[in-house]
Amino acid sequence: MPPRALRSLAVGQQIRFCVAPDGVRLAYAVHGSGPPIVRVATWLTHLEFDWESPVWRHWLEELGKGHTVVRYDERGCGLSDRAPSELSVDAWVGDLEAVVGAAGLERFALLGVSQGAAIALVYAARHPERVTHLALYDAYARGRKFRTPDGRAEEEALISVIANVYAKLGVSGKAGRAAAAARFSELRGASVSDRG
């Protein structure tokens, strides 16, 4: 199935679709102009929702000022197929290979955030000739369940970070924390529920 494009006039990004080696349909977005940078997918993504998010919007705007930014929804999340048969490092690397192939990229910088950092590292090791730069942010060597005994503390920390973003936007205190918790809940729903 050839990639098809949807033009999102409200957000100024072009959303396209491609197919992973195992047949999973993947959504990816392109915006900006300049040397390409690929943001590797991570948990809880939704191309349209992320674009509007006060957490990610400034990243996307700044990166797009000097680069052609390509990012995609992970299998099982966002606009990509929601019920993939396989979740593995090899499948996620195959997804990245499919997206950069569909986008027509030969050489590009990779941005790996959180879980996406591990996938970026594996991709760069397998395809060093294609990666011009490798930027890792909030990377980790062990998954969440193996880092701390209390995953709830990490979720609270994430909500606090998001609350700080809202505070910078003028919504602080209990209202900021409530807005952050609501936004995180909304992201989880939009990213992985059947309502897409």
N, C-alpha and C. Protein backbone atom coordinates (compact mmCIF):
# COMPACT_ATOMS: atom_id res chain seq x y z
N MET A 1 0.85 -1.18 0.00
CA MET A 1 0.00 0.00 0.00
C MET A 1 0.89 1.24 0.00
N PRO A 2 0.77 2.10 -0.98
CA PRO A 2 1.64 3.29 -1.04
C PRO A 2 1.27 4.28 0.08
N PRO A 3 2.26 5.06 0.53
CA PRO A 3 1.93 6.06 1.56
C PRO A 3 0.90 7.04 1.03
N ARG A 4 -0.03 7.41 1.88
CA ARG A 4 -0.97 8.45 1.48
C ARG A 4 -0.77 9.62 2.42
N ALA A 5 -1.07 10.79 1.96
CA ALA A 5 -0.83 11.99 2.77
C ALA A 5 -2.14 12.65 3.14
N LEU A 6 -2.19 13.13 4.35
CA LEU A 6 -3.30 13.97 4.80
C LEU A 6 -2.70 15.32 5.13
N ARG A 7 -3.27 16.35 4.62
CA ARG A 7 -2.77 17.69 4.92
C ARG A 7 -3.58 18.25 6.08
N SER A 8 -2.92 18.52 7.19
CA SER A 8 -3.60 19.07 8.35
C SER A 8 -3.40 20.58 8.34
N LEU A 9 -4.40 21.29 7.84
CA LEU A 9 -4.29 22.74 7.71
C LEU A 9 -4.17 23.42 9.05
N ALA A 10 -4.81 22.86 10.07
CA ALA A 10 -4.82 23.50 11.38
C ALA A 10 -3.44 23.48 12.03
N VAL A 11 -2.62 22.49 11.73
CA VAL A 11 -1.35 22.37 12.43
C VAL A 11 -0.13 22.56 11.54
N GLY A 12 -0.28 22.57 10.23
CA GLY A 12 0.85 22.82 9.35
C GLY A 12 1.83 21.68 9.23
N GLN A 13 1.40 20.48 9.52
CA GLN A 13 2.25 19.32 9.32
C GLN A 13 1.59 18.41 8.30
N GLN A 14 2.38 17.64 7.62
CA GLN A 14 1.82 16.70 6.66
C GLN A 14 1.89 15.32 7.27
N ILE A 15 0.76 14.67 7.41
CA ILE A 15 0.70 13.32 7.97
C ILE A 15 0.57 12.32 6.83
N ARG A 16 1.43 11.33 6.88
CA ARG A 16 1.48 10.30 5.83
C ARG A 16 1.42 8.93 6.50
N PHE A 17 1.23 7.92 5.68
CA PHE A 17 1.18 6.56 6.19
C PHE A 17 2.10 5.67 5.35
N CYS A 18 2.71 4.69 6.02
CA CYS A 18 3.52 3.69 5.33
C CYS A 18 3.28 2.36 6.03
N VAL A 19 3.91 1.32 5.55
CA VAL A 19 3.69 -0.02 6.10
C VAL A 19 5.03 -0.60 6.54
N ALA A 20 5.04 -1.12 7.78
CA ALA A 20 6.23 -1.77 8.34
C ALA A 20 6.44 -3.13 7.66
N PRO A 21 7.62 -3.71 7.83
CA PRO A 21 7.90 -5.01 7.19
C PRO A 21 6.89 -6.11 7.53
N ASP A 22 6.28 -6.05 8.72
CA ASP A 22 5.31 -7.09 9.11
C ASP A 22 3.87 -6.69 8.81
N GLY A 23 3.67 -5.61 8.03
CA GLY A 23 2.34 -5.22 7.61
C GLY A 23 1.63 -4.21 8.49
N VAL A 24 2.25 -3.78 9.58
CA VAL A 24 1.64 -2.79 10.46
C VAL A 24 1.64 -1.43 9.76
N ARG A 25 0.49 -0.76 9.77
CA ARG A 25 0.36 0.57 9.17
C ARG A 25 0.86 1.62 10.16
N LEU A 26 1.81 2.44 9.72
CA LEU A 26 2.44 3.46 10.57
C LEU A 26 2.11 4.85 10.06
N ALA A 27 1.80 5.75 10.98
CA ALA A 27 1.57 7.15 10.65
C ALA A 27 2.84 7.92 10.94
N TYR A 28 3.21 8.82 10.02
CA TYR A 28 4.36 9.69 10.27
C TYR A 28 4.03 11.09 9.77
N ALA A 29 4.72 12.06 10.36
CA ALA A 29 4.47 13.46 10.01
C ALA A 29 5.77 14.12 9.58
N VAL A 30 5.64 15.09 8.69
CA VAL A 30 6.78 15.85 8.19
C VAL A 30 6.43 17.34 8.30
N HIS A 31 7.38 18.12 8.83
CA HIS A 31 7.23 19.58 8.83
C HIS A 31 8.61 20.21 8.84
N GLY A 32 8.66 21.48 8.54
CA GLY A 32 9.92 22.22 8.56
C GLY A 32 10.68 22.12 7.26
N SER A 33 11.90 22.72 7.30
CA SER A 33 12.73 22.77 6.11
C SER A 33 14.19 22.80 6.51
N GLY A 34 14.99 22.03 5.82
CA GLY A 34 16.42 21.97 6.10
C GLY A 34 16.89 20.53 6.19
N PRO A 35 18.10 20.33 6.73
CA PRO A 35 18.61 18.96 6.87
C PRO A 35 17.64 18.12 7.71
N PRO A 36 17.42 16.86 7.32
CA PRO A 36 16.44 16.06 8.02
C PRO A 36 16.89 15.60 9.41
N ILE A 37 15.93 15.61 10.32
CA ILE A 37 16.11 15.03 11.65
C ILE A 37 14.90 14.15 11.91
N VAL A 38 15.14 12.94 12.36
CA VAL A 38 14.07 11.98 12.62
C VAL A 38 13.95 11.79 14.13
N ARG A 39 12.78 12.08 14.66
CA ARG A 39 12.51 11.82 16.08
C ARG A 39 11.94 10.42 16.16
N VAL A 40 12.70 9.53 16.79
CA VAL A 40 12.29 8.14 16.91
C VAL A 40 11.07 8.06 17.82
N ALA A 41 10.12 7.23 17.44
CA ALA A 41 8.89 7.09 18.22
C ALA A 41 9.19 6.58 19.62
N THR A 42 8.31 6.96 20.51
CA THR A 42 8.39 6.51 21.89
C THR A 42 6.98 6.23 22.39
N TRP A 43 6.88 5.77 23.58
CA TRP A 43 5.59 5.42 24.18
C TRP A 43 4.67 6.63 24.24
N LEU A 44 3.40 6.41 24.03
CA LEU A 44 2.36 7.43 24.10
C LEU A 44 2.58 8.60 23.14
N THR A 45 2.56 8.29 21.88
CA THR A 45 2.62 9.36 20.89
C THR A 45 1.30 9.44 20.14
N HIS A 46 1.02 10.61 19.66
CA HIS A 46 -0.11 10.85 18.77
C HIS A 46 0.27 12.11 17.99
N LEU A 47 0.51 11.96 16.69
CA LEU A 47 1.05 13.05 15.88
C LEU A 47 0.27 14.34 16.01
N GLU A 48 -1.04 14.28 15.95
CA GLU A 48 -1.85 15.49 16.05
C GLU A 48 -1.87 16.04 17.47
N PHE A 49 -2.03 15.17 18.43
CA PHE A 49 -2.09 15.57 19.84
C PHE A 49 -0.76 16.18 20.29
N ASP A 50 0.35 15.53 19.91
CA ASP A 50 1.68 16.04 20.29
C ASP A 50 1.92 17.43 19.73
N TRP A 51 1.43 17.68 18.51
CA TRP A 51 1.64 18.98 17.88
C TRP A 51 0.99 20.09 18.68
N GLU A 52 -0.13 19.80 19.31
CA GLU A 52 -0.86 20.79 20.10
C GLU A 52 -0.41 20.84 21.55
N SER A 53 0.42 19.90 21.98
CA SER A 53 0.82 19.77 23.38
C SER A 53 1.78 20.87 23.83
N PRO A 54 1.53 21.46 25.00
CA PRO A 54 2.48 22.44 25.52
C PRO A 54 3.81 21.79 25.91
N VAL A 55 3.83 20.48 26.04
CA VAL A 55 5.08 19.76 26.36
C VAL A 55 5.96 19.64 25.12
N TRP A 56 5.37 19.31 23.96
CA TRP A 56 6.15 19.04 22.76
C TRP A 56 6.14 20.16 21.73
N ARG A 57 5.14 21.00 21.74
CA ARG A 57 4.98 22.00 20.68
C ARG A 57 6.24 22.86 20.48
N HIS A 58 6.82 23.36 21.57
CA HIS A 58 8.01 24.21 21.42
C HIS A 58 9.19 23.44 20.83
N TRP A 59 9.33 22.18 21.17
CA TRP A 59 10.39 21.35 20.57
C TRP A 59 10.19 21.28 19.07
N LEU A 60 8.96 20.96 18.68
CA LEU A 60 8.66 20.78 17.26
C LEU A 60 8.84 22.07 16.48
N GLU A 61 8.37 23.18 17.03
CA GLU A 61 8.53 24.47 16.35
C GLU A 61 10.00 24.81 16.15
N GLU A 62 10.80 24.69 17.21
CA GLU A 62 12.22 25.05 17.12
C GLU A 62 12.98 24.12 16.18
N LEU A 63 12.74 22.82 16.28
CA LEU A 63 13.42 21.89 15.39
C LEU A 63 13.05 22.16 13.93
N GLY A 64 11.79 22.50 13.67
CA GLY A 64 11.33 22.74 12.30
C GLY A 64 11.85 24.02 11.68
N LYS A 65 12.41 24.93 12.50
CA LYS A 65 12.94 26.18 11.95
C LYS A 65 14.18 25.95 11.10
N GLY A 66 14.96 24.92 11.40
CA GLY A 66 16.18 24.70 10.64
C GLY A 66 16.32 23.30 10.09
N HIS A 67 15.27 22.47 10.26
CA HIS A 67 15.34 21.08 9.83
C HIS A 67 14.01 20.63 9.24
N THR A 68 14.08 19.63 8.40
CA THR A 68 12.89 18.89 8.02
C THR A 68 12.72 17.83 9.09
N VAL A 69 11.66 17.93 9.87
CA VAL A 69 11.44 17.02 10.99
C VAL A 69 10.49 15.91 10.57
N VAL A 70 10.93 14.68 10.80
CA VAL A 70 10.11 13.51 10.54
C VAL A 70 9.92 12.81 11.88
N ARG A 71 8.67 12.56 12.24
CA ARG A 71 8.38 11.82 13.46
C ARG A 71 7.21 10.90 13.18
N TYR A 72 7.05 9.89 13.99
CA TYR A 72 6.01 8.91 13.69
C TYR A 72 5.40 8.37 14.98
N ASP A 73 4.19 7.85 14.83
CA ASP A 73 3.52 7.19 15.95
C ASP A 73 3.98 5.75 16.02
N GLU A 74 4.38 5.35 17.20
CA GLU A 74 4.80 3.98 17.44
C GLU A 74 3.65 3.02 17.14
N ARG A 75 3.99 1.83 16.72
CA ARG A 75 2.96 0.80 16.53
C ARG A 75 2.17 0.64 17.83
N GLY A 76 0.86 0.59 17.69
CA GLY A 76 0.00 0.49 18.86
C GLY A 76 -0.42 1.83 19.44
N CYS A 77 0.10 2.93 18.89
CA CYS A 77 -0.19 4.26 19.44
C CYS A 77 -0.65 5.22 18.35
N GLY A 78 -1.31 6.28 18.80
CA GLY A 78 -1.66 7.39 17.91
C GLY A 78 -2.43 6.96 16.69
N LEU A 79 -1.98 7.43 15.53
CA LEU A 79 -2.65 7.16 14.26
C LEU A 79 -2.16 5.88 13.60
N SER A 80 -1.14 5.23 14.18
CA SER A 80 -0.65 3.95 13.65
C SER A 80 -1.60 2.83 14.08
N ASP A 81 -1.44 1.65 13.45
CA ASP A 81 -2.27 0.51 13.83
C ASP A 81 -2.22 0.29 15.33
N ARG A 82 -3.38 0.08 15.93
CA ARG A 82 -3.50 -0.01 17.38
C ARG A 82 -3.30 -1.41 17.94
N ALA A 83 -3.34 -2.44 17.12
CA ALA A 83 -3.22 -3.81 17.63
C ALA A 83 -2.17 -4.59 16.85
N PRO A 84 -0.90 -4.18 16.95
CA PRO A 84 0.14 -4.90 16.22
C PRO A 84 0.36 -6.28 16.84
N SER A 85 0.81 -7.22 16.01
CA SER A 85 1.04 -8.58 16.52
C SER A 85 2.36 -8.69 17.28
N GLU A 86 3.29 -7.79 17.03
CA GLU A 86 4.61 -7.90 17.68
C GLU A 86 5.06 -6.56 18.25
N LEU A 87 5.55 -6.61 19.48
CA LEU A 87 6.19 -5.47 20.12
C LEU A 87 7.58 -5.94 20.55
N SER A 88 8.60 -5.51 19.81
CA SER A 88 9.96 -5.92 20.11
C SER A 88 10.93 -4.87 19.57
N VAL A 89 12.15 -4.95 20.00
CA VAL A 89 13.17 -4.03 19.49
C VAL A 89 13.29 -4.18 17.98
N ASP A 90 13.33 -5.41 17.48
CA ASP A 90 13.46 -5.61 16.04
C ASP A 90 12.26 -5.02 15.28
N ALA A 91 11.06 -5.17 15.83
CA ALA A 91 9.88 -4.59 15.17
C ALA A 91 9.96 -3.07 15.18
N TRP A 92 10.38 -2.47 16.31
CA TRP A 92 10.47 -1.01 16.39
C TRP A 92 11.56 -0.46 15.46
N VAL A 93 12.67 -1.18 15.34
CA VAL A 93 13.72 -0.76 14.40
C VAL A 93 13.20 -0.90 12.97
N GLY A 94 12.46 -1.96 12.69
CA GLY A 94 11.85 -2.12 11.37
C GLY A 94 10.88 -0.99 11.06
N ASP A 95 10.17 -0.51 12.08
CA ASP A 95 9.26 0.62 11.88
C ASP A 95 10.05 1.87 11.48
N LEU A 96 11.15 2.12 12.18
CA LEU A 96 11.99 3.28 11.86
C LEU A 96 12.53 3.15 10.44
N GLU A 97 12.97 1.95 10.06
CA GLU A 97 13.46 1.73 8.70
C GLU A 97 12.36 2.01 7.67
N ALA A 98 11.14 1.59 7.96
CA ALA A 98 10.02 1.82 7.04
C ALA A 98 9.72 3.31 6.89
N VAL A 99 9.73 4.03 8.00
CA VAL A 99 9.41 5.46 7.96
C VAL A 99 10.47 6.23 7.18
N VAL A 100 11.75 6.01 7.47
CA VAL A 100 12.78 6.77 6.75
C VAL A 100 12.80 6.38 5.27
N GLY A 101 12.47 5.13 4.96
CA GLY A 101 12.37 4.72 3.57
C GLY A 101 11.22 5.42 2.86
N ALA A 102 10.06 5.44 3.51
CA ALA A 102 8.88 6.09 2.92
C ALA A 102 9.09 7.60 2.76
N ALA A 103 9.82 8.18 3.70
CA ALA A 103 10.10 9.62 3.64
C ALA A 103 11.20 9.94 2.62
N GLY A 104 11.85 8.93 2.09
CA GLY A 104 12.87 9.14 1.07
C GLY A 104 14.18 9.70 1.62
N LEU A 105 14.49 9.39 2.87
CA LEU A 105 15.70 9.93 3.50
C LEU A 105 16.89 8.99 3.29
N GLU A 106 18.01 9.57 2.89
CA GLU A 106 19.24 8.80 2.73
C GLU A 106 20.14 8.93 3.96
N ARG A 107 20.38 10.19 4.37
CA ARG A 107 21.20 10.47 5.56
C ARG A 107 20.47 11.50 6.40
N PHE A 108 20.52 11.32 7.70
CA PHE A 108 19.72 12.16 8.58
C PHE A 108 20.24 12.05 10.01
N ALA A 109 19.87 13.03 10.81
CA ALA A 109 20.15 13.00 12.25
C ALA A 109 19.02 12.24 12.93
N LEU A 110 19.36 11.55 14.00
CA LEU A 110 18.37 10.81 14.78
C LEU A 110 18.26 11.44 16.16
N LEU A 111 17.02 11.67 16.61
CA LEU A 111 16.75 12.14 17.95
C LEU A 111 15.99 11.04 18.67
N GLY A 112 16.62 10.48 19.69
CA GLY A 112 15.99 9.44 20.49
C GLY A 112 15.67 9.96 21.87
N VAL A 113 14.38 9.98 22.22
CA VAL A 113 13.92 10.46 23.52
C VAL A 113 13.34 9.28 24.28
N SER A 114 13.76 9.10 25.53
CA SER A 114 13.26 8.05 26.40
C SER A 114 13.42 6.69 25.72
N GLN A 115 12.33 5.93 25.57
CA GLN A 115 12.39 4.62 24.93
C GLN A 115 12.96 4.71 23.52
N GLY A 116 12.70 5.81 22.84
CA GLY A 116 13.19 5.98 21.48
C GLY A 116 14.70 6.02 21.38
N ALA A 117 15.38 6.33 22.50
CA ALA A 117 16.85 6.37 22.49
C ALA A 117 17.43 4.99 22.22
N ALA A 118 16.86 3.98 22.83
CA ALA A 118 17.36 2.61 22.61
C ALA A 118 17.18 2.20 21.16
N ILE A 119 16.05 2.54 20.58
CA ILE A 119 15.79 2.20 19.17
C ILE A 119 16.74 2.98 18.27
N ALA A 120 16.99 4.25 18.60
CA ALA A 120 17.94 5.06 17.82
C ALA A 120 19.33 4.45 17.86
N LEU A 121 19.75 3.98 19.03
CA LEU A 121 21.07 3.35 19.16
C LEU A 121 21.18 2.08 18.32
N VAL A 122 20.17 1.25 18.37
CA VAL A 122 20.21 0.01 17.58
C VAL A 122 20.22 0.34 16.09
N TYR A 123 19.38 1.29 15.68
CA TYR A 123 19.34 1.68 14.27
C TYR A 123 20.71 2.22 13.83
N ALA A 124 21.30 3.10 14.63
CA ALA A 124 22.60 3.68 14.28
C ALA A 124 23.69 2.61 14.20
N ALA A 125 23.62 1.62 15.06
CA ALA A 125 24.61 0.53 15.01
C ALA A 125 24.44 -0.31 13.74
N ARG A 126 23.21 -0.50 13.32
CA ARG A 126 22.94 -1.30 12.12
C ARG A 126 23.14 -0.52 10.82
N HIS A 127 22.98 0.82 10.88
CA HIS A 127 23.05 1.65 9.67
C HIS A 127 23.92 2.89 9.90
N PRO A 128 25.17 2.74 10.30
CA PRO A 128 25.99 3.92 10.62
C PRO A 128 26.19 4.85 9.42
N GLU A 129 26.11 4.33 8.22
CA GLU A 129 26.31 5.15 7.03
C GLU A 129 25.15 6.11 6.78
N ARG A 130 24.02 5.90 7.42
CA ARG A 130 22.85 6.74 7.20
C ARG A 130 22.66 7.81 8.26
N VAL A 131 23.33 7.65 9.40
CA VAL A 131 23.10 8.54 10.55
C VAL A 131 24.20 9.61 10.60
N THR A 132 23.80 10.87 10.45
CA THR A 132 24.77 11.97 10.49
C THR A 132 25.06 12.43 11.92
N HIS A 133 24.05 12.40 12.76
CA HIS A 133 24.17 12.80 14.16
C HIS A 133 23.23 11.93 14.98
N LEU A 134 23.60 11.72 16.23
CA LEU A 134 22.76 10.94 17.13
C LEU A 134 22.60 11.74 18.42
N ALA A 135 21.37 12.17 18.70
CA ALA A 135 21.08 12.94 19.91
C ALA A 135 20.15 12.10 20.79
N LEU A 136 20.56 11.88 22.03
CA LEU A 136 19.77 11.09 22.96
C LEU A 136 19.37 11.96 24.14
N TYR A 137 18.11 11.89 24.52
CA TYR A 137 17.60 12.70 25.62
C TYR A 137 16.75 11.80 26.52
N ASP A 138 17.02 11.86 27.81
CA ASP A 138 16.28 11.07 28.79
C ASP A 138 16.37 9.58 28.47
N ALA A 139 17.53 9.16 27.98
CA ALA A 139 17.76 7.76 27.65
C ALA A 139 18.00 6.96 28.94
N TYR A 140 17.80 5.67 28.86
CA TYR A 140 18.02 4.81 30.02
C TYR A 140 18.52 3.44 29.56
N ALA A 141 19.21 2.77 30.45
CA ALA A 141 19.76 1.46 30.14
C ALA A 141 18.80 0.33 30.55
N ARG A 142 17.91 0.62 31.50
CA ARG A 142 16.96 -0.39 31.96
C ARG A 142 15.55 0.21 31.94
N GLY A 143 14.57 -0.63 31.67
CA GLY A 143 13.19 -0.18 31.62
C GLY A 143 12.65 0.27 32.96
N ARG A 144 11.51 0.92 32.93
CA ARG A 144 10.91 1.53 34.11
C ARG A 144 10.76 0.55 35.28
N LYS A 145 10.30 -0.65 35.02
CA LYS A 145 10.08 -1.62 36.09
C LYS A 145 11.38 -2.06 36.75
N PHE A 146 12.48 -1.91 36.07
CA PHE A 146 13.76 -2.34 36.61
C PHE A 146 14.56 -1.20 37.24
N ARG A 147 14.15 0.04 37.02
CA ARG A 147 14.88 1.18 37.56
C ARG A 147 14.49 1.50 39.00
N THR A 148 13.22 1.48 39.28
CA THR A 148 12.75 1.82 40.62
C THR A 148 11.65 0.85 41.04
N PRO A 149 11.52 0.62 42.32
CA PRO A 149 10.46 -0.28 42.78
C PRO A 149 9.08 0.37 42.71
N ASP A 150 9.03 1.69 42.57
CA ASP A 150 7.75 2.40 42.60
C ASP A 150 7.53 3.20 41.32
N GLY A 151 6.89 2.58 40.33
CA GLY A 151 6.61 3.27 39.08
C GLY A 151 5.69 4.46 39.27
N ARG A 152 4.88 4.44 40.32
CA ARG A 152 3.97 5.57 40.60
C ARG A 152 4.76 6.84 40.85
N ALA A 153 5.91 6.72 41.53
CA ALA A 153 6.75 7.90 41.80
C ALA A 153 7.22 8.53 40.49
N GLU A 154 7.55 7.70 39.51
CA GLU A 154 7.96 8.23 38.22
C GLU A 154 6.81 8.93 37.52
N GLU A 155 5.60 8.36 37.60
CA GLU A 155 4.44 9.01 37.00
C GLU A 155 4.18 10.36 37.66
N GLU A 156 4.31 10.42 38.97
CA GLU A 156 4.13 11.68 39.70
C GLU A 156 5.18 12.71 39.25
N ALA A 157 6.41 12.25 39.05
CA ALA A 157 7.47 13.15 38.61
C ALA A 157 7.15 13.70 37.22
N LEU A 158 6.63 12.84 36.34
CA LEU A 158 6.26 13.28 35.00
C LEU A 158 5.14 14.32 35.07
N ILE A 159 4.15 14.09 35.90
CA ILE A 159 3.06 15.05 36.05
C ILE A 159 3.60 16.36 36.60
N SER A 160 4.57 16.31 37.50
CA SER A 160 5.17 17.54 38.04
C SER A 160 5.88 18.33 36.96
N VAL A 161 6.59 17.64 36.08
CA VAL A 161 7.28 18.32 34.98
C VAL A 161 6.26 19.01 34.08
N ILE A 162 5.19 18.28 33.74
CA ILE A 162 4.15 18.87 32.89
C ILE A 162 3.50 20.05 33.59
N ALA A 163 3.29 19.93 34.91
CA ALA A 163 2.71 21.04 35.68
C ALA A 163 3.60 22.27 35.62
N ASN A 164 4.92 22.07 35.62
CA ASN A 164 5.85 23.20 35.49
C ASN A 164 5.70 23.89 34.14
N VAL A 165 5.45 23.10 33.09
CA VAL A 165 5.22 23.69 31.78
C VAL A 165 3.96 24.57 31.82
N TYR A 166 2.91 24.05 32.42
CA TYR A 166 1.67 24.83 32.54
C TYR A 166 1.91 26.09 33.38
N ALA A 167 2.73 25.98 34.42
CA ALA A 167 3.03 27.16 35.25
C ALA A 167 3.68 28.25 34.42
N LYS A 168 4.58 27.85 33.51
CA LYS A 168 5.22 28.83 32.63
C LYS A 168 4.22 29.47 31.67
N LEU A 169 3.11 28.76 31.43
CA LEU A 169 2.07 29.29 30.57
C LEU A 169 1.03 30.09 31.36
N GLY A 170 1.28 30.23 32.68
CA GLY A 170 0.40 31.04 33.50
C GLY A 170 -0.67 30.27 34.25
N VAL A 171 -0.64 28.95 34.21
CA VAL A 171 -1.59 28.13 34.96
C VAL A 171 -0.77 27.37 35.99
N SER A 172 -0.85 27.78 37.27
CA SER A 172 0.02 27.17 38.27
C SER A 172 -0.76 26.68 39.48
N GLY A 173 -0.02 26.19 40.47
CA GLY A 173 -0.62 25.70 41.70
C GLY A 173 -1.48 24.47 41.45
N LYS A 174 -2.56 24.34 42.21
CA LYS A 174 -3.44 23.19 42.06
C LYS A 174 -4.06 23.14 40.67
N ALA A 175 -4.36 24.30 40.11
CA ALA A 175 -4.94 24.33 38.76
C ALA A 175 -3.94 23.80 37.74
N GLY A 176 -2.66 24.16 37.88
CA GLY A 176 -1.63 23.67 36.96
C GLY A 176 -1.42 22.18 37.08
N ARG A 177 -1.41 21.68 38.31
CA ARG A 177 -1.24 20.24 38.54
C ARG A 177 -2.45 19.48 37.99
N ALA A 178 -3.64 20.02 38.21
CA ALA A 178 -4.86 19.38 37.68
C ALA A 178 -4.84 19.39 36.16
N ALA A 179 -4.42 20.51 35.56
CA ALA A 179 -4.35 20.60 34.09
C ALA A 179 -3.33 19.60 33.55
N ALA A 180 -2.19 19.46 34.24
CA ALA A 180 -1.16 18.53 33.81
C ALA A 180 -1.66 17.09 33.90
N ALA A 181 -2.31 16.74 34.99
CA ALA A 181 -2.83 15.39 35.15
C ALA A 181 -3.90 15.10 34.10
N ALA A 182 -4.75 16.08 33.83
CA ALA A 182 -5.79 15.91 32.81
C ALA A 182 -5.17 15.73 31.43
N ARG A 183 -4.15 16.53 31.12
CA ARG A 183 -3.49 16.44 29.81
C ARG A 183 -2.81 15.08 29.64
N PHE A 184 -2.16 14.59 30.71
CA PHE A 184 -1.49 13.29 30.65
C PHE A 184 -2.54 12.19 30.44
N SER A 185 -3.66 12.27 31.14
CA SER A 185 -4.73 11.30 30.99
C SER A 185 -5.30 11.35 29.58
N GLU A 186 -5.48 12.56 29.06
CA GLU A 186 -5.98 12.76 27.70
C GLU A 186 -5.00 12.16 26.68
N LEU A 187 -3.70 12.36 26.90
CA LEU A 187 -2.67 11.81 26.02
C LEU A 187 -2.73 10.29 26.02
N ARG A 188 -2.83 9.69 27.20
CA ARG A 188 -2.92 8.22 27.27
C ARG A 188 -4.13 7.73 26.50
N GLY A 189 -5.26 8.39 26.67
CA GLY A 189 -6.47 7.99 25.97
C GLY A 189 -6.36 8.13 24.47
N ALA A 190 -5.83 9.26 24.03
CA ALA A 190 -5.69 9.52 22.59
C ALA A 190 -4.66 8.63 21.95
N SER A 191 -3.61 8.28 22.70
CA SER A 191 -2.51 7.53 22.12
C SER A 191 -2.77 6.04 21.99
N VAL A 192 -3.50 5.45 22.93
CA VAL A 192 -3.60 4.01 22.92
C VAL A 192 -5.01 3.44 22.97
N SER A 193 -6.03 4.27 23.05
CA SER A 193 -7.39 3.73 23.08
C SER A 193 -7.89 3.49 21.66
N ASP A 194 -9.02 2.85 21.56
CA ASP A 194 -9.62 2.59 20.24
C ASP A 194 -10.23 3.83 19.62
N ARG A 195 -10.41 4.90 20.39
CA ARG A 195 -11.05 6.08 19.83
C ARG A 195 -10.12 6.94 19.00
N GLY A 196 -8.79 6.65 19.05
CA GLY A 196 -7.78 7.25 18.20
C GLY A 196 -7.78 8.68 18.08
